Amino acid sequence: MPVSVEDLEKTLRSAIKVEYLEIVDESSGCGESYRILVVSDAFEGKGTLARHRFVNEILKDYISQMHAFSQKSLTVKQYQATLN
């Protein structure tokens, strides 16, 4: 069964407080390749690798079903800086 945007969103939002979330299916709808941007203060004080491991652990059941997965994990402060 392919992974859906809704599955990923529901799982992330139930695990951490998400301020902003963008999920892009890069597999033309077959659910095998996703790119996400997740913004949360849950990442405060964590380096990039720790953030990626944190998100990967939350989504591990889905990631194991995908061909490709990439993420960008930012704190709210970092995200706001990208908007300016």
C-alpha atoms as a PDB file:
ATOM      1  CA  MET A   1       0.000   0.000   0.000  1.00  0.00           C
ATOM      2  CA  PRO A   2       1.502   3.371  -0.962  1.00  0.00           C
ATOM      3  CA  VAL A   3       2.303   5.965   1.660  1.00  0.00           C
ATOM      4  CA  SER A   4       0.038   9.012   1.528  1.00  0.00           C
ATOM      5  CA  VAL A   5       0.583  12.657   2.378  1.00  0.00           C
ATOM      6  CA  GLU A   6      -2.206  12.295   4.938  1.00  0.00           C
ATOM      7  CA  ASP A   7      -0.417   9.378   6.668  1.00  0.00           C
ATOM      8  CA  LEU A   8       2.793  11.368   6.989  1.00  0.00           C
ATOM      9  CA  GLU A   9       1.035  14.518   8.161  1.00  0.00           C
ATOM     10  CA  LYS A  10      -1.107  12.748  10.752  1.00  0.00           C
ATOM     11  CA  THR A  11       1.859  10.856  12.176  1.00  0.00           C
ATOM     12  CA  LEU A  12       4.095  13.920  12.443  1.00  0.00           C
ATOM     13  CA  ARG A  13       1.391  16.127  13.936  1.00  0.00           C
ATOM     14  CA  SER A  14       0.497  13.505  16.532  1.00  0.00           C
ATOM     15  CA  ALA A  15       4.153  13.150  17.619  1.00  0.00           C
ATOM     16  CA  ILE A  16       5.287  16.794  17.797  1.00  0.00           C
ATOM     17  CA  LYS A  17       3.828  20.289  17.717  1.00  0.00           C
ATOM     18  CA  VAL A  18       4.266  21.333  14.103  1.00  0.00           C
ATOM     19  CA  GLU A  19       4.255  25.030  13.252  1.00  0.00           C
ATOM     20  CA  TYR A  20       4.543  24.538   9.493  1.00  0.00           C
ATOM     21  CA  LEU A  21       4.585  21.419   7.349  1.00  0.00           C
ATOM     22  CA  GLU A  22       5.066  20.969   3.630  1.00  0.00           C
ATOM     23  CA  ILE A  23       4.939  17.475   2.154  1.00  0.00           C
ATOM     24  CA  VAL A  24       5.647  16.957  -1.532  1.00  0.00           C
ATOM     25  CA  ASP A  25       5.056  13.642  -3.299  1.00  0.00           C
ATOM     26  CA  GLU A  26       7.868  13.539  -5.841  1.00  0.00           C
ATOM     27  CA  SER A  27       6.765  10.191  -7.269  1.00  0.00           C
ATOM     28  CA  SER A  28       3.847  11.412  -9.375  1.00  0.00           C
ATOM     29  CA  GLY A  29       1.316  10.064  -6.910  1.00  0.00           C
ATOM     30  CA  CYS A  30       2.583   6.532  -6.328  1.00  0.00           C
ATOM     31  CA  GLY A  31       3.720   7.342  -2.772  1.00  0.00           C
ATOM     32  CA  GLU A  32       7.288   6.102  -3.048  1.00  0.00           C
ATOM     33  CA  SER A  33       9.238   9.378  -2.895  1.00  0.00           C
ATOM     34  CA  TYR A  34       8.609  12.293  -0.570  1.00  0.00           C
ATOM     35  CA  ARG A  35      10.278  15.563   0.337  1.00  0.00           C
ATOM     36  CA  ILE A  36       9.197  17.294   3.526  1.00  0.00           C
ATOM     37  CA  LEU A  37       9.821  20.571   5.292  1.00  0.00           C
ATOM     38  CA  VAL A  38       8.849  20.456   8.943  1.00  0.00           C
ATOM     39  CA  VAL A  39       9.087  23.435  11.274  1.00  0.00           C
ATOM     40  CA  SER A  40       8.830  22.867  14.998  1.00  0.00           C
ATOM     41  CA  ASP A  41      10.264  24.152  18.243  1.00  0.00           C
ATOM     42  CA  ALA A  42      10.786  20.475  19.122  1.00  0.00           C
ATOM     43  CA  PHE A  43      14.038  20.836  17.142  1.00  0.00           C
ATOM     44  CA  GLU A  44      15.390  23.598  19.381  1.00  0.00           C
ATOM     45  CA  GLY A  45      18.856  22.705  20.668  1.00  0.00           C
ATOM     46  CA  LYS A  46      19.262  19.779  18.254  1.00  0.00           C
ATOM     47  CA  GLY A  47      21.749  19.706  15.392  1.00  0.00           C
ATOM     48  CA  THR A  48      20.775  18.769  11.847  1.00  0.00           C
ATOM     49  CA  LEU A  49      21.643  15.090  12.234  1.00  0.00           C
ATOM     50  CA  ALA A  50      19.726  14.798  15.507  1.00  0.00           C
ATOM     51  CA  ARG A  51      16.687  16.443  13.908  1.00  0.00           C
ATOM     52  CA  HIS A  52      16.788  14.072  10.949  1.00  0.00           C
ATOM     53  CA  ARG A  53      17.098  11.057  13.227  1.00  0.00           C
ATOM     54  CA  PHE A  54      14.201  12.365  15.319  1.00  0.00           C
ATOM     55  CA  VAL A  55      11.907  12.739  12.291  1.00  0.00           C
ATOM     56  CA  ASN A  56      13.105   9.449  10.791  1.00  0.00           C
ATOM     57  CA  GLU A  57      12.214   7.667  14.035  1.00  0.00           C
ATOM     58  CA  ILE A  58       8.718   9.186  14.004  1.00  0.00           C
ATOM     59  CA  LEU A  59       8.159   8.164  10.360  1.00  0.00           C
ATOM     60  CA  LYS A  60      10.186   4.922  10.316  1.00  0.00           C
ATOM     61  CA  ASP A  61       7.254   2.665   9.419  1.00  0.00           C
ATOM     62  CA  TYR A  62       6.492   4.803   6.372  1.00  0.00           C
ATOM     63  CA  ILE A  63      10.079   5.479   5.328  1.00  0.00           C
ATOM     64  CA  SER A  64      10.716   1.740   5.124  1.00  0.00           C
ATOM     65  CA  GLN A  65       8.033   1.564   2.406  1.00  0.00           C
ATOM     66  CA  MET A  66       9.487   4.392   0.307  1.00  0.00           C
ATOM     67  CA  HIS A  67      12.076   4.461  -2.418  1.00  0.00           C
ATOM     68  CA  ALA A  68      13.292   7.961  -1.462  1.00  0.00           C
ATOM     69  CA  PHE A  69      12.757  10.377   1.413  1.00  0.00           C
ATOM     70  CA  SER A  70      14.345  13.756   2.099  1.00  0.00           C
ATOM     71  CA  GLN A  71      13.658  16.269   4.795  1.00  0.00           C
ATOM     72  CA  LYS A  72      14.461  19.735   5.978  1.00  0.00           C
ATOM     73  CA  SER A  73      13.845  20.257   9.686  1.00  0.00           C
ATOM     74  CA  LEU A  74      13.911  23.795  11.067  1.00  0.00           C
ATOM     75  CA  THR A  75      13.053  25.584  14.283  1.00  0.00           C
ATOM     76  CA  VAL A  76      10.451  28.328  14.045  1.00  0.00           C
ATOM     77  CA  LYS A  77      13.179  30.963  14.411  1.00  0.00           C
ATOM     78  CA  GLN A  78      15.228  29.430  11.568  1.00  0.00           C
ATOM     79  CA  TYR A  79      12.172  29.201   9.337  1.00  0.00           C
ATOM     80  CA  GLN A  80      11.196  32.815   9.989  1.00  0.00           C
ATOM     81  CA  ALA A  81      14.735  33.880   9.026  1.00  0.00           C
ATOM     82  CA  THR A  82      14.291  32.209   5.624  1.00  0.00           C
ATOM     83  CA  LEU A  83      11.188  34.309   4.976  1.00  0.00           C
ATOM     84  CA  ASN A  84      13.009  37.625   5.322  1.00  0.00           C
END
